[in-house]
Amino acid sequence: MDEELVLIAGDILVHYEINEIGLLMNRFDVLQEPDWPMWAWDILWVGSEAQDAGRRQAYTEEGLMRLIITGVFIHHTSI
């Protein structure tokens, strides 16, 4: 990936292997520590494994970026 990866609310993630689509809902600090934040994203998943209303799941930002960079998730920016 040549350009810097930036995630924003409204971005879409696609996991083709299990036929799931995720919507980045909001970014939050897991630890709530101003000196050492650990950012995470609340994701709403829909697809083959999701229930009728979908399901929410949190991923740390670092872990999520690694999944995108390694190709597990395909990232589609909302802008």
C-alpha atoms as a PDB file:
ATOM      1  CA  MET A   1       0.000   0.000   0.000  1.00  0.00           C
ATOM      2  CA  ASP A   2       1.741   3.132  -1.220  1.00  0.00           C
ATOM      3  CA  GLU A   3      -0.429   5.736   0.451  1.00  0.00           C
ATOM      4  CA  GLU A   4      -1.104   6.108   4.148  1.00  0.00           C
ATOM      5  CA  LEU A   5      -4.148   4.218   5.376  1.00  0.00           C
ATOM      6  CA  VAL A   6      -6.715   6.506   7.001  1.00  0.00           C
ATOM      7  CA  LEU A   7      -9.946   5.169   8.474  1.00  0.00           C
ATOM      8  CA  ILE A   8     -13.041   7.317   8.945  1.00  0.00           C
ATOM      9  CA  ALA A   9     -16.592   6.680  10.080  1.00  0.00           C
ATOM     10  CA  GLY A  10     -18.677   5.534   7.124  1.00  0.00           C
ATOM     11  CA  ASP A  11     -15.906   3.499   5.484  1.00  0.00           C
ATOM     12  CA  ILE A  12     -16.821   0.003   4.277  1.00  0.00           C
ATOM     13  CA  LEU A  13     -14.882  -3.220   4.882  1.00  0.00           C
ATOM     14  CA  VAL A  14     -15.429  -6.345   2.805  1.00  0.00           C
ATOM     15  CA  HIS A  15     -14.399  -9.848   3.850  1.00  0.00           C
ATOM     16  CA  TYR A  16     -14.947 -11.902   0.693  1.00  0.00           C
ATOM     17  CA  GLU A  17     -14.052 -15.282   2.209  1.00  0.00           C
ATOM     18  CA  ILE A  18     -17.016 -15.280   4.605  1.00  0.00           C
ATOM     19  CA  ASN A  19     -19.264 -12.941   2.577  1.00  0.00           C
ATOM     20  CA  GLU A  20     -19.426 -10.147   5.196  1.00  0.00           C
ATOM     21  CA  ILE A  21     -19.599  -6.367   4.837  1.00  0.00           C
ATOM     22  CA  GLY A  22     -18.736  -4.019   7.701  1.00  0.00           C
ATOM     23  CA  LEU A  23     -19.481  -0.346   8.249  1.00  0.00           C
ATOM     24  CA  LEU A  24     -17.087   1.656  10.433  1.00  0.00           C
ATOM     25  CA  MET A  25     -19.401   3.323  12.948  1.00  0.00           C
ATOM     26  CA  ASN A  26     -17.201   5.214  15.390  1.00  0.00           C
ATOM     27  CA  ARG A  27     -13.682   5.400  16.762  1.00  0.00           C
ATOM     28  CA  PHE A  28     -13.143   5.262  20.516  1.00  0.00           C
ATOM     29  CA  ASP A  29     -10.362   4.986  23.089  1.00  0.00           C
ATOM     30  CA  VAL A  30     -10.505   1.555  24.727  1.00  0.00           C
ATOM     31  CA  LEU A  31      -8.366   2.569  27.705  1.00  0.00           C
ATOM     32  CA  GLN A  32      -9.701   6.123  28.077  1.00  0.00           C
ATOM     33  CA  GLU A  33      -6.192   7.241  29.017  1.00  0.00           C
ATOM     34  CA  PRO A  34      -5.179  10.634  27.571  1.00  0.00           C
ATOM     35  CA  ASP A  35      -1.446   9.839  27.858  1.00  0.00           C
ATOM     36  CA  TRP A  36      -1.685   6.426  26.149  1.00  0.00           C
ATOM     37  CA  PRO A  37      -4.753   6.023  23.940  1.00  0.00           C
ATOM     38  CA  MET A  38      -5.614   2.658  22.405  1.00  0.00           C
ATOM     39  CA  TRP A  39      -7.971   3.385  19.535  1.00  0.00           C
ATOM     40  CA  ALA A  40     -10.626   0.953  18.380  1.00  0.00           C
ATOM     41  CA  TRP A  41     -13.458   0.962  15.857  1.00  0.00           C
ATOM     42  CA  ASP A  42     -17.055  -0.082  16.384  1.00  0.00           C
ATOM     43  CA  ILE A  43     -18.103  -1.980  13.234  1.00  0.00           C
ATOM     44  CA  LEU A  44     -21.584  -3.006  12.141  1.00  0.00           C
ATOM     45  CA  TRP A  45     -21.357  -6.279  10.174  1.00  0.00           C
ATOM     46  CA  VAL A  46     -23.963  -7.609   7.767  1.00  0.00           C
ATOM     47  CA  GLY A  47     -23.847 -10.686   5.567  1.00  0.00           C
ATOM     48  CA  SER A  48     -24.000 -14.453   5.750  1.00  0.00           C
ATOM     49  CA  GLU A  49     -23.104 -14.684   9.450  1.00  0.00           C
ATOM     50  CA  ALA A  50     -25.012 -11.605  10.636  1.00  0.00           C
ATOM     51  CA  GLN A  51     -28.361 -11.764  12.383  1.00  0.00           C
ATOM     52  CA  ASP A  52     -31.421  -9.967  10.979  1.00  0.00           C
ATOM     53  CA  ALA A  53     -30.398  -6.564  12.380  1.00  0.00           C
ATOM     54  CA  GLY A  54     -26.671  -7.116  11.838  1.00  0.00           C
ATOM     55  CA  ARG A  55     -24.072  -7.365  14.556  1.00  0.00           C
ATOM     56  CA  ARG A  56     -21.638  -4.935  16.126  1.00  0.00           C
ATOM     57  CA  GLN A  57     -18.049  -5.790  16.887  1.00  0.00           C
ATOM     58  CA  ALA A  58     -15.022  -3.766  17.979  1.00  0.00           C
ATOM     59  CA  TYR A  59     -11.516  -4.055  16.512  1.00  0.00           C
ATOM     60  CA  THR A  60      -8.430  -2.208  17.680  1.00  0.00           C
ATOM     61  CA  GLU A  61      -7.322   0.281  15.050  1.00  0.00           C
ATOM     62  CA  GLU A  62      -3.870  -1.292  14.795  1.00  0.00           C
ATOM     63  CA  GLY A  63      -5.306  -4.779  14.307  1.00  0.00           C
ATOM     64  CA  LEU A  64      -7.844  -3.534  11.788  1.00  0.00           C
ATOM     65  CA  MET A  65      -5.145  -1.782   9.751  1.00  0.00           C
ATOM     66  CA  ARG A  66      -3.063  -4.972   9.700  1.00  0.00           C
ATOM     67  CA  LEU A  67      -6.070  -6.942   8.422  1.00  0.00           C
ATOM     68  CA  ILE A  68      -6.519  -4.378   5.637  1.00  0.00           C
ATOM     69  CA  ILE A  69      -2.829  -4.225   4.707  1.00  0.00           C
ATOM     70  CA  THR A  70      -2.550  -8.029   4.566  1.00  0.00           C
ATOM     71  CA  GLY A  71      -5.649  -8.262   2.362  1.00  0.00           C
ATOM     72  CA  VAL A  72      -7.978 -10.035   4.780  1.00  0.00           C
ATOM     73  CA  PHE A  73     -10.358  -7.050   4.582  1.00  0.00           C
ATOM     74  CA  ILE A  74     -10.796  -4.843   1.524  1.00  0.00           C
ATOM     75  CA  HIS A  75     -11.182  -1.194   2.549  1.00  0.00           C
ATOM     76  CA  HIS A  76     -13.478   1.191   0.656  1.00  0.00           C
ATOM     77  CA  THR A  77     -13.258   4.787   1.826  1.00  0.00           C
ATOM     78  CA  SER A  78     -16.407   6.853   2.164  1.00  0.00           C
ATOM     79  CA  ILE A  79     -14.788  10.014   0.748  1.00  0.00           C
END
